C-alpha atoms as a PDB file:
ATOM      1  CA  MET A   1      64.313  78.945 116.198  1.00  0.00           C
ATOM      2  CA  ALA A   2      66.752  80.225 113.621  1.00  0.00           C
ATOM      3  CA  LYS A   3      66.192  81.475 110.446  1.00  0.00           C
ATOM      4  CA  LYS A   4      67.068  79.507 107.333  1.00  0.00           C
ATOM      5  CA  ARG A   5      69.380  81.111 104.442  1.00  0.00           C
ATOM      6  CA  SER A   6      67.640  81.389 101.240  1.00  0.00           C
ATOM      7  CA  GLU A   7      70.962  81.171  99.597  1.00  0.00           C
ATOM      8  CA  PRO A   8      73.750  78.473 100.923  1.00  0.00           C
ATOM      9  CA  ARG A   9      77.376  79.960 102.072  1.00  0.00           C
ATOM     10  CA  LYS A  10      79.685  80.833  99.622  1.00  0.00           C
ATOM     11  CA  PRO A  11      83.060  79.533 100.517  1.00  0.00           C
ATOM     12  CA  SER A  12      85.777  82.424 101.214  1.00  0.00           C
ATOM     13  CA  THR A  13      89.032  82.616  99.882  1.00  0.00           C
ATOM     14  CA  PRO A  14      91.917  83.485 102.682  1.00  0.00           C
ATOM     15  CA  THR A  15      93.712  86.589 100.884  1.00  0.00           C
ATOM     16  CA  SER A  16      97.462  86.593 100.184  1.00  0.00           C
ATOM     17  CA  PHE A  17      98.130  87.864 103.668  1.00  0.00           C
ATOM     18  CA  GLU A  18      95.812  85.384 105.786  1.00  0.00           C
ATOM     19  CA  GLN A  19      97.540  82.653 103.376  1.00  0.00           C
ATOM     20  CA  ALA A  20     101.215  83.708 104.361  1.00  0.00           C
ATOM     21  CA  ARG A  21     100.033  84.550 107.497  1.00  0.00           C
ATOM     22  CA  ASP A  22      99.099  80.941 108.141  1.00  0.00           C
ATOM     23  CA  GLU A  23     102.024  79.400 106.601  1.00  0.00           C
ATOM     24  CA  LEU A  24     103.845  81.638 109.018  1.00  0.00           C
ATOM     25  CA  PHE A  25     102.612  80.377 112.000  1.00  0.00           C
ATOM     26  CA  SER A  26     102.803  76.856 111.031  1.00  0.00           C
ATOM     27  CA  HIS A  27     106.245  76.975 110.338  1.00  0.00           C
ATOM     28  CA  ILE A  28     106.819  78.677 113.893  1.00  0.00           C
ATOM     29  CA  LEU A  29     105.284  75.063 115.116  1.00  0.00           C
ATOM     30  CA  ARG A  30     107.288  72.923 112.806  1.00  0.00           C
ATOM     31  CA  CYS A  31     110.437  74.677 113.134  1.00  0.00           C
ATOM     32  CA  GLY A  32     111.131  74.685 116.962  1.00  0.00           C
ATOM     33  CA  VAL A  33     111.433  78.544 116.854  1.00  0.00           C
ATOM     34  CA  LEU A  34     108.907  79.261 120.067  1.00  0.00           C
ATOM     35  CA  GLU A  35     112.057  77.049 122.411  1.00  0.00           C
ATOM     36  CA  ALA A  36     114.596  79.066 120.395  1.00  0.00           C
ATOM     37  CA  THR A  37     117.121  81.950 121.708  1.00  0.00           C
ATOM     38  CA  ALA A  38     116.219  85.625 121.062  1.00  0.00           C
ATOM     39  CA  GLU A  39     119.106  85.736 118.816  1.00  0.00           C
ATOM     40  CA  HIS A  40     118.212  82.306 116.778  1.00  0.00           C
ATOM     41  CA  GLN A  41     114.741  83.981 116.576  1.00  0.00           C
ATOM     42  CA  LYS A  42     115.752  86.895 115.116  1.00  0.00           C
ATOM     43  CA  GLU A  43     118.261  84.910 112.415  1.00  0.00           C
ATOM     44  CA  TRP A  44     115.529  82.708 111.836  1.00  0.00           C
ATOM     45  CA  PHE A  45     112.508  85.749 111.436  1.00  0.00           C
ATOM     46  CA  ASP A  46     115.284  87.230 108.780  1.00  0.00           C
ATOM     47  CA  ASP A  47     115.507  84.483 106.744  1.00  0.00           C
ATOM     48  CA  THR A  48     111.711  83.394 106.957  1.00  0.00           C
ATOM     49  CA  MET A  49     110.267  86.837 105.774  1.00  0.00           C
ATOM     50  CA  LEU A  50     112.754  86.798 102.822  1.00  0.00           C
ATOM     51  CA  TYR A  51     110.749  83.577 102.075  1.00  0.00           C
ATOM     52  CA  LEU A  52     107.989  84.670 102.415  1.00  0.00           C
ATOM     53  CA  ALA A  53     108.260  87.931 100.451  1.00  0.00           C
ATOM     54  CA  ASP A  54     109.732  85.989  97.598  1.00  0.00           C
ATOM     55  CA  ARG A  55     106.766  83.450  97.801  1.00  0.00           C
ATOM     56  CA  TYR A  56     104.065  86.339  98.142  1.00  0.00           C
ATOM     57  CA  GLU A  57     105.402  88.508  95.519  1.00  0.00           C
ATOM     58  CA  GLU A  58     101.728  90.559  95.722  1.00  0.00           C
ATOM     59  CA  LEU A  59     102.226  91.546  99.703  1.00  0.00           C
ATOM     60  CA  ASP A  60     103.991  94.817 100.220  1.00  0.00           C
ATOM     61  CA  GLU A  61     106.704  95.785 102.492  1.00  0.00           C
ATOM     62  CA  GLN A  62     104.156  96.542 105.643  1.00  0.00           C
ATOM     63  CA  GLN A  63     102.399  93.495 104.922  1.00  0.00           C
ATOM     64  CA  ILE A  64     105.523  91.670 105.420  1.00  0.00           C
ATOM     65  CA  ALA A  65     106.539  93.731 108.578  1.00  0.00           C
ATOM     66  CA  ASP A  66     102.942  93.097 109.866  1.00  0.00           C
ATOM     67  CA  LEU A  67     103.777  89.377 109.111  1.00  0.00           C
ATOM     68  CA  ARG A  68     106.481  89.849 111.589  1.00  0.00           C
ATOM     69  CA  VAL A  69     105.080  91.389 114.155  1.00  0.00           C
ATOM     70  CA  LEU A  70     102.689  88.845 114.205  1.00  0.00           C
ATOM     71  CA  GLY A  71     105.169  85.876 114.309  1.00  0.00           C
ATOM     72  CA  GLU A  72     107.202  87.630 117.196  1.00  0.00           C
ATOM     73  CA  ARG A  73     104.587  88.654 118.962  1.00  0.00           C
ATOM     74  CA  TYR A  74     103.433  84.689 118.670  1.00  0.00           C
ATOM     75  CA  CYS A  75     106.693  83.630 119.687  1.00  0.00           C
ATOM     76  CA  ARG A  76     106.623  85.606 123.129  1.00  0.00           C
ATOM     77  CA  PRO A  77     105.878  83.631 126.334  1.00  0.00           C
ATOM     78  CA  VAL A  78     102.686  84.447 128.503  1.00  0.00           C
ATOM     79  CA  VAL A  79     103.611  86.780 130.648  1.00  0.00           C
ATOM     80  CA  GLY A  80     102.538  85.690 133.937  1.00  0.00           C
ATOM     81  CA  ARG A  81     101.221  87.216 137.081  1.00  0.00           C
ATOM     82  CA  ASN A  82     103.649  88.503 139.668  1.00  0.00           C
ATOM     83  CA  ALA A  83     101.725  88.937 142.384  1.00  0.00           C
ATOM     84  CA  THR A  84      98.937  86.165 143.648  1.00  0.00           C
ATOM     85  CA  VAL A  85      95.027  87.240 144.104  1.00  0.00           C
ATOM     86  CA  GLY A  86      94.241  85.840 147.337  1.00  0.00           C
ATOM     87  CA  VAL A  87      91.736  86.103 149.514  1.00  0.00           C
ATOM     88  CA  ASP A  88      93.257  88.452 151.936  1.00  0.00           C
ATOM     89  CA  ALA A  89      94.309  91.032 148.982  1.00  0.00           C
END
């Protein structure tokens, strides 16, 4: 049986980094960046990072760079296996 909490949970306020990350992922999905060529993705990320840096002024350069890494990883295709696993393997 679960213990009852004595006090209600307080809603947590997302940090600026978390808000910017969520906004970036939302933009990626809405703008069709996943289907774009690598060259167009780079251009899109260059522009979008400038936008996010202006919008979230409290983020430092390292955090903006971290956001870009997260976004670029999100856009990478899933790596499939080259070899099939079977009974005879």
